[in-house]
Amino acid sequence: MTIPTASKVDLAHDLIRRRIRDGAYTPGYRLVLGTLAKELGVSTVPVREAVRRLEAEGLVEVVRNVGATVRGLDPVEYRWTVETLAVVEGAATGMAACRLSDAALAEARRLNDAMRDGLDDLDPLRHSRLNQQFHRVLTDPCPNPHLLDLVERGWTRVSALRSSVFSFVPERAAEAVREHDAILDLIARGAPAAEIDAATRAHREATLHAVLQHTNGEA
């Protein structure tokens, strides 16, 4: 049975994107179309189209006479994205706090404890997954669907830019867990929404500053 060309493009796109997100293809890694085509059992045509799609998503850079390589983190784009996410996520967490059930608060603590337990042998991708689950629990009760949509878009955009910031700044993982504890304590004692908003925003911005400092240090 012949696989439709569109499906071959999807197959190549999903494979390359997954390897970028999982860290198998690191920034600067050169994508050899012929090698990928052979691995997938297809011609280079769908692989080339998949690379074009990944370029449009900002994950791959194509340079004439050089080829396609995995893009590094764009500090400017990352800063704009996370600054925006900090604002909307902080607001959503503050608005959701008074509606958070005891069970949801306990689930957030469980997720944070799981992150804490993994600090000694840090798996950046696992830590990032748990981190997003943690923040989703805290924002889910937000009554404003438009705000939640902006939060979800922010998470998606950050994920597209880089699968895990903890690969860049692993030392940030322990600090983030402590900041989570502080946010949970604010929610548990019924702190004002504005205080929870500010703490959540500062937490997200602290990660941003750590990543930018690391990136500038490498420049």
N, C-alpha and C. Protein backbone atom coordinates (compact mmCIF):
# COMPACT_ATOMS: atom_id res chain seq x y z
N MET A 1 0.85 -1.19 0.00
CA MET A 1 0.00 0.00 0.00
C MET A 1 0.88 1.24 0.00
N THR A 2 0.61 2.18 -0.87
CA THR A 2 1.38 3.41 -0.98
C THR A 2 0.89 4.43 0.04
N ILE A 3 1.82 5.00 0.79
CA ILE A 3 1.45 6.03 1.78
C ILE A 3 1.31 7.35 1.06
N PRO A 4 0.17 8.07 1.24
CA PRO A 4 0.00 9.37 0.59
C PRO A 4 1.12 10.33 0.95
N THR A 5 1.47 11.22 0.00
CA THR A 5 2.57 12.16 0.23
C THR A 5 2.35 13.00 1.48
N ALA A 6 1.11 13.47 1.69
CA ALA A 6 0.81 14.29 2.87
C ALA A 6 1.14 13.54 4.15
N SER A 7 0.81 12.24 4.19
CA SER A 7 1.10 11.44 5.37
C SER A 7 2.60 11.26 5.58
N LYS A 8 3.34 11.16 4.48
CA LYS A 8 4.80 11.04 4.58
C LYS A 8 5.39 12.32 5.16
N VAL A 9 4.85 13.47 4.75
CA VAL A 9 5.32 14.75 5.30
C VAL A 9 5.03 14.80 6.79
N ASP A 10 3.83 14.39 7.17
CA ASP A 10 3.47 14.38 8.60
C ASP A 10 4.39 13.45 9.38
N LEU A 11 4.69 12.31 8.80
CA LEU A 11 5.56 11.33 9.46
C LEU A 11 6.94 11.92 9.70
N ALA A 12 7.51 12.56 8.68
CA ALA A 12 8.83 13.16 8.82
C ALA A 12 8.80 14.34 9.78
N HIS A 13 7.76 15.15 9.68
CA HIS A 13 7.62 16.32 10.55
C HIS A 13 7.55 15.90 12.02
N ASP A 14 6.70 14.92 12.30
CA ASP A 14 6.51 14.48 13.68
C ASP A 14 7.78 13.87 14.25
N LEU A 15 8.50 13.10 13.44
CA LEU A 15 9.74 12.47 13.91
C LEU A 15 10.79 13.53 14.27
N ILE A 16 11.02 14.47 13.36
CA ILE A 16 12.04 15.49 13.60
C ILE A 16 11.65 16.38 14.77
N ARG A 17 10.39 16.79 14.80
CA ARG A 17 9.92 17.67 15.88
C ARG A 17 10.05 16.98 17.24
N ARG A 18 9.70 15.71 17.30
CA ARG A 18 9.81 14.97 18.56
C ARG A 18 11.25 14.88 19.02
N ARG A 19 12.17 14.65 18.09
CA ARG A 19 13.58 14.53 18.47
C ARG A 19 14.16 15.87 18.92
N ILE A 20 13.66 16.95 18.34
CA ILE A 20 14.10 18.28 18.79
C ILE A 20 13.59 18.52 20.20
N ARG A 21 12.32 18.23 20.42
CA ARG A 21 11.72 18.47 21.73
C ARG A 21 12.31 17.57 22.80
N ASP A 22 12.67 16.34 22.43
CA ASP A 22 13.23 15.40 23.41
C ASP A 22 14.72 15.65 23.67
N GLY A 23 15.32 16.52 22.87
CA GLY A 23 16.73 16.84 23.06
C GLY A 23 17.68 15.95 22.30
N ALA A 24 17.14 15.03 21.49
CA ALA A 24 18.01 14.16 20.69
C ALA A 24 18.71 14.97 19.61
N TYR A 25 18.00 15.96 19.05
CA TYR A 25 18.59 16.89 18.10
C TYR A 25 18.79 18.22 18.81
N THR A 26 20.02 18.52 19.14
CA THR A 26 20.33 19.73 19.91
C THR A 26 20.55 20.93 18.98
N PRO A 27 20.57 22.16 19.52
CA PRO A 27 20.81 23.34 18.68
C PRO A 27 22.08 23.20 17.86
N GLY A 28 21.96 23.48 16.56
CA GLY A 28 23.10 23.36 15.66
C GLY A 28 23.19 22.02 14.96
N TYR A 29 22.38 21.06 15.39
CA TYR A 29 22.41 19.73 14.78
C TYR A 29 21.98 19.83 13.32
N ARG A 30 22.76 19.23 12.42
CA ARG A 30 22.47 19.32 10.99
C ARG A 30 21.54 18.19 10.57
N LEU A 31 20.45 18.56 9.93
CA LEU A 31 19.47 17.59 9.46
C LEU A 31 19.85 17.15 8.04
N VAL A 32 20.27 15.92 7.90
CA VAL A 32 20.66 15.40 6.59
C VAL A 32 19.43 14.74 5.97
N LEU A 33 18.90 15.36 4.93
CA LEU A 33 17.64 14.90 4.35
C LEU A 33 17.71 13.46 3.85
N GLY A 34 18.81 13.12 3.19
CA GLY A 34 18.95 11.77 2.65
C GLY A 34 18.94 10.72 3.74
N THR A 35 19.61 11.01 4.85
CA THR A 35 19.66 10.06 5.97
C THR A 35 18.29 9.86 6.59
N LEU A 36 17.58 10.97 6.78
CA LEU A 36 16.24 10.89 7.36
C LEU A 36 15.28 10.17 6.42
N ALA A 37 15.40 10.45 5.12
CA ALA A 37 14.54 9.79 4.14
C ALA A 37 14.76 8.28 4.15
N LYS A 38 16.01 7.88 4.23
CA LYS A 38 16.33 6.45 4.25
C LYS A 38 15.77 5.80 5.51
N GLU A 39 15.90 6.48 6.63
CA GLU A 39 15.40 5.94 7.90
C GLU A 39 13.88 5.74 7.84
N LEU A 40 13.19 6.69 7.21
CA LEU A 40 11.73 6.63 7.14
C LEU A 40 11.22 5.81 5.97
N GLY A 41 12.11 5.47 5.05
CA GLY A 41 11.70 4.70 3.89
C GLY A 41 10.90 5.51 2.89
N VAL A 42 11.27 6.80 2.75
CA VAL A 42 10.57 7.69 1.82
C VAL A 42 11.61 8.41 0.98
N SER A 43 11.15 9.19 0.00
CA SER A 43 12.07 10.02 -0.78
C SER A 43 12.40 11.28 0.02
N THR A 44 13.31 12.07 -0.50
CA THR A 44 13.67 13.30 0.21
C THR A 44 12.61 14.40 0.05
N VAL A 45 11.67 14.22 -0.85
CA VAL A 45 10.65 15.26 -1.10
C VAL A 45 9.81 15.54 0.14
N PRO A 46 9.18 14.53 0.76
CA PRO A 46 8.39 14.82 1.96
C PRO A 46 9.24 15.29 3.14
N VAL A 47 10.49 14.82 3.22
CA VAL A 47 11.37 15.27 4.29
C VAL A 47 11.69 16.75 4.12
N ARG A 48 11.93 17.16 2.89
CA ARG A 48 12.21 18.57 2.61
C ARG A 48 11.00 19.44 2.98
N GLU A 49 9.81 18.96 2.65
CA GLU A 49 8.60 19.71 2.98
C GLU A 49 8.40 19.77 4.50
N ALA A 50 8.73 18.68 5.18
CA ALA A 50 8.63 18.66 6.65
C ALA A 50 9.59 19.67 7.26
N VAL A 51 10.78 19.78 6.70
CA VAL A 51 11.77 20.74 7.19
C VAL A 51 11.27 22.17 6.97
N ARG A 52 10.63 22.42 5.83
CA ARG A 52 10.07 23.76 5.57
C ARG A 52 9.01 24.10 6.62
N ARG A 53 8.22 23.10 6.98
CA ARG A 53 7.19 23.33 7.98
C ARG A 53 7.81 23.63 9.35
N LEU A 54 8.86 22.90 9.68
CA LEU A 54 9.56 23.13 10.95
C LEU A 54 10.25 24.48 10.97
N GLU A 55 10.71 24.92 9.80
CA GLU A 55 11.31 26.24 9.69
C GLU A 55 10.26 27.31 10.00
N ALA A 56 9.05 27.13 9.47
CA ALA A 56 7.97 28.08 9.71
C ALA A 56 7.58 28.10 11.19
N GLU A 57 7.76 26.98 11.87
CA GLU A 57 7.45 26.89 13.30
C GLU A 57 8.57 27.45 14.17
N GLY A 58 9.69 27.79 13.54
CA GLY A 58 10.80 28.37 14.29
C GLY A 58 11.73 27.37 14.95
N LEU A 59 11.60 26.09 14.59
CA LEU A 59 12.43 25.06 15.21
C LEU A 59 13.68 24.73 14.39
N VAL A 60 13.63 25.05 13.11
CA VAL A 60 14.73 24.71 12.20
C VAL A 60 15.13 25.95 11.41
N GLU A 61 16.42 26.06 11.12
CA GLU A 61 16.93 27.15 10.30
C GLU A 61 17.53 26.57 9.03
N VAL A 62 17.14 27.10 7.89
CA VAL A 62 17.66 26.63 6.61
C VAL A 62 18.53 27.73 6.00
N VAL A 63 19.79 27.41 5.78
CA VAL A 63 20.75 28.37 5.23
C VAL A 63 21.20 27.87 3.87
N ARG A 64 21.17 28.74 2.90
CA ARG A 64 21.55 28.36 1.54
C ARG A 64 23.00 27.87 1.51
N ASN A 65 23.24 26.80 0.79
CA ASN A 65 24.56 26.16 0.64
C ASN A 65 25.08 25.54 1.93
N VAL A 66 24.26 25.55 2.98
CA VAL A 66 24.66 24.92 4.24
C VAL A 66 23.70 23.79 4.58
N GLY A 67 22.41 24.07 4.46
CA GLY A 67 21.40 23.07 4.77
C GLY A 67 20.57 23.46 5.97
N ALA A 68 19.89 22.47 6.53
CA ALA A 68 18.98 22.69 7.65
C ALA A 68 19.63 22.29 8.96
N THR A 69 19.52 23.15 9.94
CA THR A 69 20.04 22.86 11.27
C THR A 69 18.97 23.22 12.31
N VAL A 70 19.08 22.59 13.46
CA VAL A 70 18.17 22.89 14.57
C VAL A 70 18.51 24.26 15.15
N ARG A 71 17.49 25.09 15.27
CA ARG A 71 17.72 26.45 15.78
C ARG A 71 18.02 26.42 17.27
N GLY A 72 18.86 27.36 17.69
CA GLY A 72 19.09 27.57 19.10
C GLY A 72 17.97 28.43 19.66
N LEU A 73 18.03 28.70 20.93
CA LEU A 73 17.03 29.54 21.57
C LEU A 73 17.22 30.99 21.14
N ASP A 74 16.16 31.60 20.65
CA ASP A 74 16.19 33.01 20.28
C ASP A 74 15.87 33.83 21.52
N PRO A 75 16.87 34.50 22.11
CA PRO A 75 16.66 35.21 23.38
C PRO A 75 15.56 36.27 23.31
N VAL A 76 15.48 36.99 22.19
CA VAL A 76 14.48 38.05 22.06
C VAL A 76 13.08 37.46 22.02
N GLU A 77 12.87 36.46 21.17
CA GLU A 77 11.56 35.83 21.05
C GLU A 77 11.17 35.16 22.36
N TYR A 78 12.14 34.51 23.00
CA TYR A 78 11.86 33.84 24.28
C TYR A 78 11.45 34.86 25.33
N ARG A 79 12.14 35.98 25.37
CA ARG A 79 11.81 37.01 26.36
C ARG A 79 10.40 37.53 26.16
N TRP A 80 10.04 37.87 24.93
CA TRP A 80 8.70 38.39 24.68
C TRP A 80 7.63 37.36 25.06
N THR A 81 7.89 36.12 24.71
CA THR A 81 6.91 35.06 24.99
C THR A 81 6.71 34.86 26.48
N VAL A 82 7.81 34.76 27.23
CA VAL A 82 7.70 34.48 28.66
C VAL A 82 7.21 35.70 29.44
N GLU A 83 7.59 36.90 29.03
CA GLU A 83 7.06 38.10 29.68
C GLU A 83 5.54 38.15 29.56
N THR A 84 5.04 37.81 28.38
CA THR A 84 3.59 37.78 28.17
C THR A 84 2.94 36.68 28.99
N LEU A 85 3.55 35.49 28.98
CA LEU A 85 3.01 34.37 29.74
C LEU A 85 2.99 34.69 31.23
N ALA A 86 4.01 35.35 31.74
CA ALA A 86 4.07 35.70 33.16
C ALA A 86 2.86 36.55 33.56
N VAL A 87 2.49 37.49 32.69
CA VAL A 87 1.36 38.37 32.99
C VAL A 87 0.05 37.59 33.01
N VAL A 88 -0.23 36.82 31.95
CA VAL A 88 -1.52 36.15 31.85
C VAL A 88 -1.62 34.97 32.82
N GLU A 89 -0.51 34.25 33.03
CA GLU A 89 -0.54 33.12 33.95
C GLU A 89 -0.69 33.60 35.39
N GLY A 90 -0.02 34.70 35.72
CA GLY A 90 -0.17 35.26 37.05
C GLY A 90 -1.61 35.67 37.32
N ALA A 91 -2.21 36.36 36.34
CA ALA A 91 -3.60 36.80 36.50
C ALA A 91 -4.54 35.61 36.63
N ALA A 92 -4.34 34.58 35.80
CA ALA A 92 -5.21 33.41 35.85
C ALA A 92 -5.08 32.67 37.17
N THR A 93 -3.86 32.55 37.69
CA THR A 93 -3.64 31.86 38.96
C THR A 93 -4.28 32.64 40.10
N GLY A 94 -4.14 33.97 40.08
CA GLY A 94 -4.76 34.79 41.11
C GLY A 94 -6.26 34.68 41.11
N MET A 95 -6.87 34.70 39.92
CA MET A 95 -8.33 34.61 39.80
C MET A 95 -8.84 33.22 40.18
N ALA A 96 -8.02 32.20 39.93
CA ALA A 96 -8.44 30.82 40.18
C ALA A 96 -8.30 30.41 41.64
N ALA A 97 -7.45 31.09 42.40
CA ALA A 97 -7.06 30.64 43.73
C ALA A 97 -8.25 30.40 44.66
N CYS A 98 -9.20 31.33 44.69
CA CYS A 98 -10.33 31.19 45.61
C CYS A 98 -11.29 30.08 45.18
N ARG A 99 -11.13 29.59 43.97
CA ARG A 99 -12.00 28.52 43.44
C ARG A 99 -11.30 27.16 43.45
N LEU A 100 -10.06 27.14 43.90
CA LEU A 100 -9.28 25.89 43.88
C LEU A 100 -9.77 24.98 45.01
N SER A 101 -10.14 23.77 44.68
CA SER A 101 -10.64 22.83 45.68
C SER A 101 -9.48 22.28 46.52
N ASP A 102 -9.82 21.70 47.65
CA ASP A 102 -8.79 21.07 48.50
C ASP A 102 -8.10 19.94 47.75
N ALA A 103 -8.88 19.21 46.95
CA ALA A 103 -8.30 18.09 46.19
C ALA A 103 -7.31 18.61 45.15
N ALA A 104 -7.65 19.73 44.48
CA ALA A 104 -6.75 20.30 43.48
C ALA A 104 -5.48 20.83 44.14
N LEU A 105 -5.63 21.45 45.29
CA LEU A 105 -4.46 21.96 46.01
C LEU A 105 -3.55 20.80 46.42
N ALA A 106 -4.15 19.70 46.86
CA ALA A 106 -3.37 18.52 47.24
C ALA A 106 -2.66 17.94 46.02
N GLU A 107 -3.32 17.96 44.85
CA GLU A 107 -2.71 17.46 43.62
C GLU A 107 -1.52 18.33 43.22
N ALA A 108 -1.66 19.64 43.38
CA ALA A 108 -0.56 20.55 43.07
C ALA A 108 0.64 20.28 43.98
N ARG A 109 0.36 20.03 45.25
CA ARG A 109 1.46 19.70 46.18
C ARG A 109 2.11 18.38 45.81
N ARG A 110 1.30 17.42 45.38
CA ARG A 110 1.85 16.12 44.97
C ARG A 110 2.79 16.28 43.77
N LEU A 111 2.35 17.07 42.79
CA LEU A 111 3.18 17.30 41.61
C LEU A 111 4.48 18.01 41.98
N ASN A 112 4.39 18.97 42.87
CA ASN A 112 5.60 19.69 43.28
C ASN A 112 6.53 18.77 44.07
N ASP A 113 5.97 17.90 44.89
CA ASP A 113 6.80 16.93 45.62
C ASP A 113 7.49 15.97 44.65
N ALA A 114 6.79 15.61 43.56
CA ALA A 114 7.40 14.74 42.55
C ALA A 114 8.57 15.45 41.88
N MET A 115 8.42 16.76 41.65
CA MET A 115 9.53 17.53 41.08
C MET A 115 10.70 17.58 42.07
N ARG A 116 10.37 17.75 43.34
CA ARG A 116 11.41 17.80 44.37
C ARG A 116 12.17 16.48 44.45
N ASP A 117 11.43 15.38 44.36
CA ASP A 117 12.05 14.05 44.45
C ASP A 117 13.00 13.78 43.28
N GLY A 118 12.79 14.47 42.15
CA GLY A 118 13.63 14.23 40.98
C GLY A 118 14.81 15.16 40.85
N LEU A 119 15.02 16.01 41.84
CA LEU A 119 16.08 17.02 41.72
C LEU A 119 17.49 16.41 41.74
N ASP A 120 17.68 15.35 42.52
CA ASP A 120 19.02 14.77 42.65
C ASP A 120 19.51 14.14 41.35
N ASP A 121 18.58 13.62 40.57
CA ASP A 121 18.92 13.01 39.28
C ASP A 121 18.00 13.63 38.23
N LEU A 122 18.23 14.90 37.94
CA LEU A 122 17.29 15.70 37.17
C LEU A 122 17.11 15.21 35.74
N ASP A 123 15.86 14.97 35.39
CA ASP A 123 15.46 14.71 34.00
C ASP A 123 14.73 15.97 33.55
N PRO A 124 15.37 16.84 32.77
CA PRO A 124 14.76 18.13 32.42
C PRO A 124 13.39 18.02 31.76
N LEU A 125 13.20 17.03 30.89
CA LEU A 125 11.92 16.90 30.20
C LEU A 125 10.83 16.46 31.16
N ARG A 126 11.14 15.52 32.04
CA ARG A 126 10.17 15.09 33.05
C ARG A 126 9.81 16.25 33.97
N HIS A 127 10.83 16.99 34.38
CA HIS A 127 10.60 18.12 35.28
C HIS A 127 9.70 19.16 34.61
N SER A 128 9.93 19.40 33.32
CA SER A 128 9.11 20.37 32.60
C SER A 128 7.66 19.90 32.47
N ARG A 129 7.47 18.61 32.22
CA ARG A 129 6.11 18.07 32.12
C ARG A 129 5.37 18.24 33.45
N LEU A 130 6.03 17.88 34.53
CA LEU A 130 5.42 18.03 35.86
C LEU A 130 5.14 19.50 36.17
N ASN A 131 6.06 20.35 35.75
CA ASN A 131 5.91 21.78 36.00
C ASN A 131 4.66 22.33 35.30
N GLN A 132 4.46 21.93 34.06
CA GLN A 132 3.28 22.42 33.34
C GLN A 132 2.01 21.85 33.95
N GLN A 133 2.04 20.59 34.36
CA GLN A 133 0.87 20.00 35.02
C GLN A 133 0.54 20.76 36.30
N PHE A 134 1.58 21.13 37.05
CA PHE A 134 1.41 21.88 38.29
C PHE A 134 0.69 23.20 38.01
N HIS A 135 1.19 23.95 37.04
CA HIS A 135 0.59 25.25 36.75
C HIS A 135 -0.81 25.12 36.14
N ARG A 136 -1.04 24.03 35.41
CA ARG A 136 -2.38 23.84 34.84
C ARG A 136 -3.40 23.59 35.95
N VAL A 137 -3.01 22.84 36.98
CA VAL A 137 -3.91 22.62 38.12
C VAL A 137 -4.29 23.95 38.77
N LEU A 138 -3.32 24.85 38.89
CA LEU A 138 -3.56 26.13 39.57
C LEU A 138 -4.36 27.11 38.73
N THR A 139 -4.31 26.98 37.41
CA THR A 139 -5.03 27.92 36.56
C THR A 139 -6.39 27.40 36.09
N ASP A 140 -6.59 26.11 36.12
CA ASP A 140 -7.82 25.51 35.57
C ASP A 140 -9.12 26.13 36.11
N PRO A 141 -9.20 26.46 37.42
CA PRO A 141 -10.46 27.02 37.93
C PRO A 141 -10.70 28.48 37.54
N CYS A 142 -9.79 29.09 36.81
CA CYS A 142 -9.97 30.49 36.42
C CYS A 142 -11.29 30.62 35.64
N PRO A 143 -12.16 31.57 36.03
CA PRO A 143 -13.47 31.68 35.38
C PRO A 143 -13.46 32.39 34.03
N ASN A 144 -12.32 32.94 33.64
CA ASN A 144 -12.23 33.70 32.40
C ASN A 144 -11.66 32.81 31.29
N PRO A 145 -12.49 32.32 30.37
CA PRO A 145 -12.00 31.40 29.33
C PRO A 145 -11.03 32.06 28.36
N HIS A 146 -11.17 33.36 28.13
CA HIS A 146 -10.26 34.05 27.22
C HIS A 146 -8.86 34.12 27.83
N LEU A 147 -8.80 34.34 29.13
CA LEU A 147 -7.51 34.38 29.82
C LEU A 147 -6.85 33.01 29.79
N LEU A 148 -7.64 31.97 30.01
CA LEU A 148 -7.09 30.61 29.97
C LEU A 148 -6.58 30.27 28.58
N ASP A 149 -7.27 30.77 27.55
CA ASP A 149 -6.82 30.53 26.18
C ASP A 149 -5.46 31.18 25.95
N LEU A 150 -5.26 32.38 26.47
CA LEU A 150 -3.98 33.07 26.33
C LEU A 150 -2.87 32.32 27.07
N VAL A 151 -3.21 31.78 28.24
CA VAL A 151 -2.23 30.99 29.00
C VAL A 151 -1.82 29.76 28.20
N GLU A 152 -2.80 29.06 27.65
CA GLU A 152 -2.52 27.84 26.88
C GLU A 152 -1.65 28.16 25.67
N ARG A 153 -1.95 29.26 25.00
CA ARG A 153 -1.14 29.66 23.85
C ARG A 153 0.28 29.99 24.28
N GLY A 154 0.42 30.61 25.43
CA GLY A 154 1.76 30.92 25.94
C GLY A 154 2.56 29.68 26.22
N TRP A 155 1.94 28.69 26.86
CA TRP A 155 2.62 27.42 27.14
C TRP A 155 3.04 26.74 25.84
N THR A 156 2.16 26.76 24.86
CA THR A 156 2.46 26.12 23.57
C THR A 156 3.63 26.82 22.90
N ARG A 157 3.64 28.14 22.95
CA ARG A 157 4.70 28.90 22.30
C ARG A 157 6.05 28.65 23.00
N VAL A 158 6.06 28.63 24.31
CA VAL A 158 7.30 28.36 25.05
C VAL A 158 7.81 26.97 24.70
N SER A 159 6.90 26.00 24.63
CA SER A 159 7.29 24.63 24.29
C SER A 159 7.88 24.55 22.89
N ALA A 160 7.31 25.35 21.97
CA ALA A 160 7.83 25.34 20.60
C ALA A 160 9.23 25.95 20.53
N LEU A 161 9.49 26.95 21.37
CA LEU A 161 10.80 27.59 21.37
C LEU A 161 11.87 26.66 21.95
N ARG A 162 11.51 25.94 22.98
CA ARG A 162 12.46 25.01 23.58
C ARG A 162 11.71 24.06 24.48
N SER A 163 11.95 22.77 24.35
CA SER A 163 11.19 21.78 25.10
C SER A 163 11.36 21.92 26.61
N SER A 164 12.56 22.25 27.07
CA SER A 164 12.79 22.35 28.50
C SER A 164 13.86 23.39 28.82
N VAL A 165 13.47 24.44 29.55
CA VAL A 165 14.47 25.44 29.96
C VAL A 165 15.42 24.84 30.98
N PHE A 166 15.00 23.76 31.65
CA PHE A 166 15.85 23.17 32.68
C PHE A 166 17.05 22.44 32.06
N SER A 167 17.03 22.26 30.73
CA SER A 167 18.22 21.76 30.05
C SER A 167 19.29 22.84 30.01
N PHE A 168 18.84 24.11 29.96
CA PHE A 168 19.76 25.24 29.92
C PHE A 168 20.23 25.61 31.32
N VAL A 169 19.28 25.65 32.26
CA VAL A 169 19.59 26.11 33.61
C VAL A 169 19.08 25.09 34.63
N PRO A 170 19.75 23.93 34.75
CA PRO A 170 19.27 22.90 35.68
C PRO A 170 19.22 23.37 37.13
N GLU A 171 20.07 24.33 37.48
CA GLU A 171 20.06 24.85 38.85
C GLU A 171 18.76 25.58 39.19
N ARG A 172 18.04 25.99 38.16
CA ARG A 172 16.79 26.71 38.35
C ARG A 172 15.69 25.77 38.87
N ALA A 173 15.82 24.48 38.65
CA ALA A 173 14.79 23.52 39.02
C ALA A 173 14.49 23.55 40.51
N ALA A 174 15.53 23.54 41.35
CA ALA A 174 15.32 23.55 42.80
C ALA A 174 14.70 24.86 43.26
N GLU A 175 15.13 25.96 42.67
CA GLU A 175 14.57 27.27 43.03
C GLU A 175 13.08 27.31 42.67
N ALA A 176 12.73 26.76 41.51
CA ALA A 176 11.34 26.76 41.07
C ALA A 176 10.46 25.98 42.03
N VAL A 177 10.95 24.86 42.52
CA VAL A 177 10.18 24.05 43.47
C VAL A 177 9.92 24.84 44.74
N ARG A 178 10.92 25.55 45.23
CA ARG A 178 10.74 26.36 46.44
C ARG A 178 9.72 27.49 46.21
N GLU A 179 9.78 28.06 45.03
CA GLU A 179 8.82 29.12 44.71
C GLU A 179 7.40 28.56 44.59
N HIS A 180 7.29 27.34 44.07
CA HIS A 180 5.99 26.67 44.04
C HIS A 180 5.43 26.52 45.45
N ASP A 181 6.30 26.11 46.38
CA ASP A 181 5.87 25.97 47.78
C ASP A 181 5.29 27.28 48.29
N ALA A 182 5.96 28.38 47.99
CA ALA A 182 5.52 29.69 48.46
C ALA A 182 4.16 30.06 47.86
N ILE A 183 3.96 29.77 46.57
CA ILE A 183 2.68 30.07 45.91
C ILE A 183 1.57 29.22 46.53
N LEU A 184 1.84 27.95 46.77
CA LEU A 184 0.85 27.07 47.38
C LEU A 184 0.49 27.54 48.79
N ASP A 185 1.47 28.01 49.55
CA ASP A 185 1.21 28.51 50.90
C ASP A 185 0.32 29.74 50.85
N LEU A 186 0.54 30.61 49.86
CA LEU A 186 -0.31 31.80 49.70
C LEU A 186 -1.75 31.38 49.41
N ILE A 187 -1.92 30.43 48.53
CA ILE A 187 -3.27 29.97 48.18
C ILE A 187 -3.93 29.32 49.39
N ALA A 188 -3.17 28.50 50.12
CA ALA A 188 -3.73 27.77 51.26
C ALA A 188 -4.22 28.71 52.37
N ARG A 189 -3.55 29.82 52.55
CA ARG A 189 -3.97 30.75 53.62
C ARG A 189 -4.94 31.82 53.13
N GLY A 190 -5.35 31.70 51.87
CA GLY A 190 -6.35 32.63 51.36
C GLY A 190 -5.82 34.03 51.12
N ALA A 191 -4.59 34.13 50.65
CA ALA A 191 -3.99 35.44 50.36
C ALA A 191 -4.77 36.14 49.25
N PRO A 192 -4.71 37.46 49.18
CA PRO A 192 -5.41 38.20 48.12
C PRO A 192 -4.95 37.76 46.74
N ALA A 193 -5.87 37.83 45.77
CA ALA A 193 -5.57 37.42 44.40
C ALA A 193 -4.38 38.18 43.84
N ALA A 194 -4.28 39.47 44.18
CA ALA A 194 -3.18 40.29 43.66
C ALA A 194 -1.83 39.79 44.16
N GLU A 195 -1.79 39.29 45.39
CA GLU A 195 -0.53 38.78 45.96
C GLU A 195 -0.13 37.47 45.28
N ILE A 196 -1.11 36.61 45.02
CA ILE A 196 -0.83 35.35 44.34
C ILE A 196 -0.42 35.62 42.90
N ASP A 197 -1.10 36.56 42.26
CA ASP A 197 -0.76 36.98 40.90
C ASP A 197 0.70 37.44 40.84
N ALA A 198 1.10 38.30 41.77
CA ALA A 198 2.46 38.85 41.77
C ALA A 198 3.49 37.76 42.01
N ALA A 199 3.20 36.83 42.91
CA ALA A 199 4.15 35.75 43.21
C ALA A 199 4.32 34.83 42.01
N THR A 200 3.23 34.53 41.34
CA THR A 200 3.29 33.65 40.15
C THR A 200 4.05 34.34 39.02
N ARG A 201 3.78 35.61 38.85
CA ARG A 201 4.46 36.37 37.79
C ARG A 201 5.96 36.45 38.08
N ALA A 202 6.33 36.72 39.33
CA ALA A 202 7.75 36.80 39.70
C ALA A 202 8.43 35.45 39.51
N HIS A 203 7.71 34.37 39.79
CA HIS A 203 8.24 33.02 39.62
C HIS A 203 8.58 32.76 38.14
N ARG A 204 7.67 33.10 37.25
CA ARG A 204 7.90 32.89 35.81
C ARG A 204 9.03 33.79 35.32
N GLU A 205 9.07 35.03 35.80
CA GLU A 205 10.12 35.97 35.36
C GLU A 205 11.50 35.56 35.87
N ALA A 206 11.54 34.90 37.02
CA ALA A 206 12.83 34.45 37.55
C ALA A 206 13.46 33.41 36.64
N THR A 207 12.62 32.52 36.08
CA THR A 207 13.12 31.53 35.11
C THR A 207 13.61 32.24 33.85
N LEU A 208 12.84 33.22 33.40
CA LEU A 208 13.24 34.00 32.22
C LEU A 208 14.61 34.63 32.42
N HIS A 209 14.81 35.27 33.55
CA HIS A 209 16.09 35.95 33.81
C HIS A 209 17.24 34.95 33.88
N ALA A 210 16.98 33.77 34.45
CA ALA A 210 18.03 32.74 34.53
C ALA A 210 18.44 32.26 33.15
N VAL A 211 17.46 32.05 32.28
CA VAL A 211 17.74 31.58 30.91
C VAL A 211 18.47 32.66 30.12
N LEU A 212 18.02 33.91 30.24
CA LEU A 212 18.67 34.99 29.50
C LEU A 212 20.10 35.21 29.98
N GLN A 213 20.31 35.08 31.27
CA GLN A 213 21.66 35.23 31.81
C GLN A 213 22.58 34.12 31.28
N HIS A 214 22.03 32.91 31.22
CA HIS A 214 22.80 31.78 30.67
C HIS A 214 23.12 32.02 29.20
N THR A 215 22.11 32.46 28.45
CA THR A 215 22.30 32.69 27.01
C THR A 215 23.31 33.79 26.75
N ASN A 216 23.22 34.88 27.50
CA ASN A 216 24.17 35.98 27.34
C ASN A 216 25.57 35.56 27.73
N GLY A 217 25.65 34.66 28.69
CA GLY A 217 26.97 34.19 29.13
C GLY A 217 27.66 33.37 28.07
N GLU A 218 26.85 32.71 27.20
CA GLU A 218 27.42 31.88 26.14
C GLU A 218 27.80 32.71 24.92
N ALA A 219 27.22 33.91 24.81
CA ALA A 219 27.42 34.73 23.61
C ALA A 219 28.86 35.21 23.53
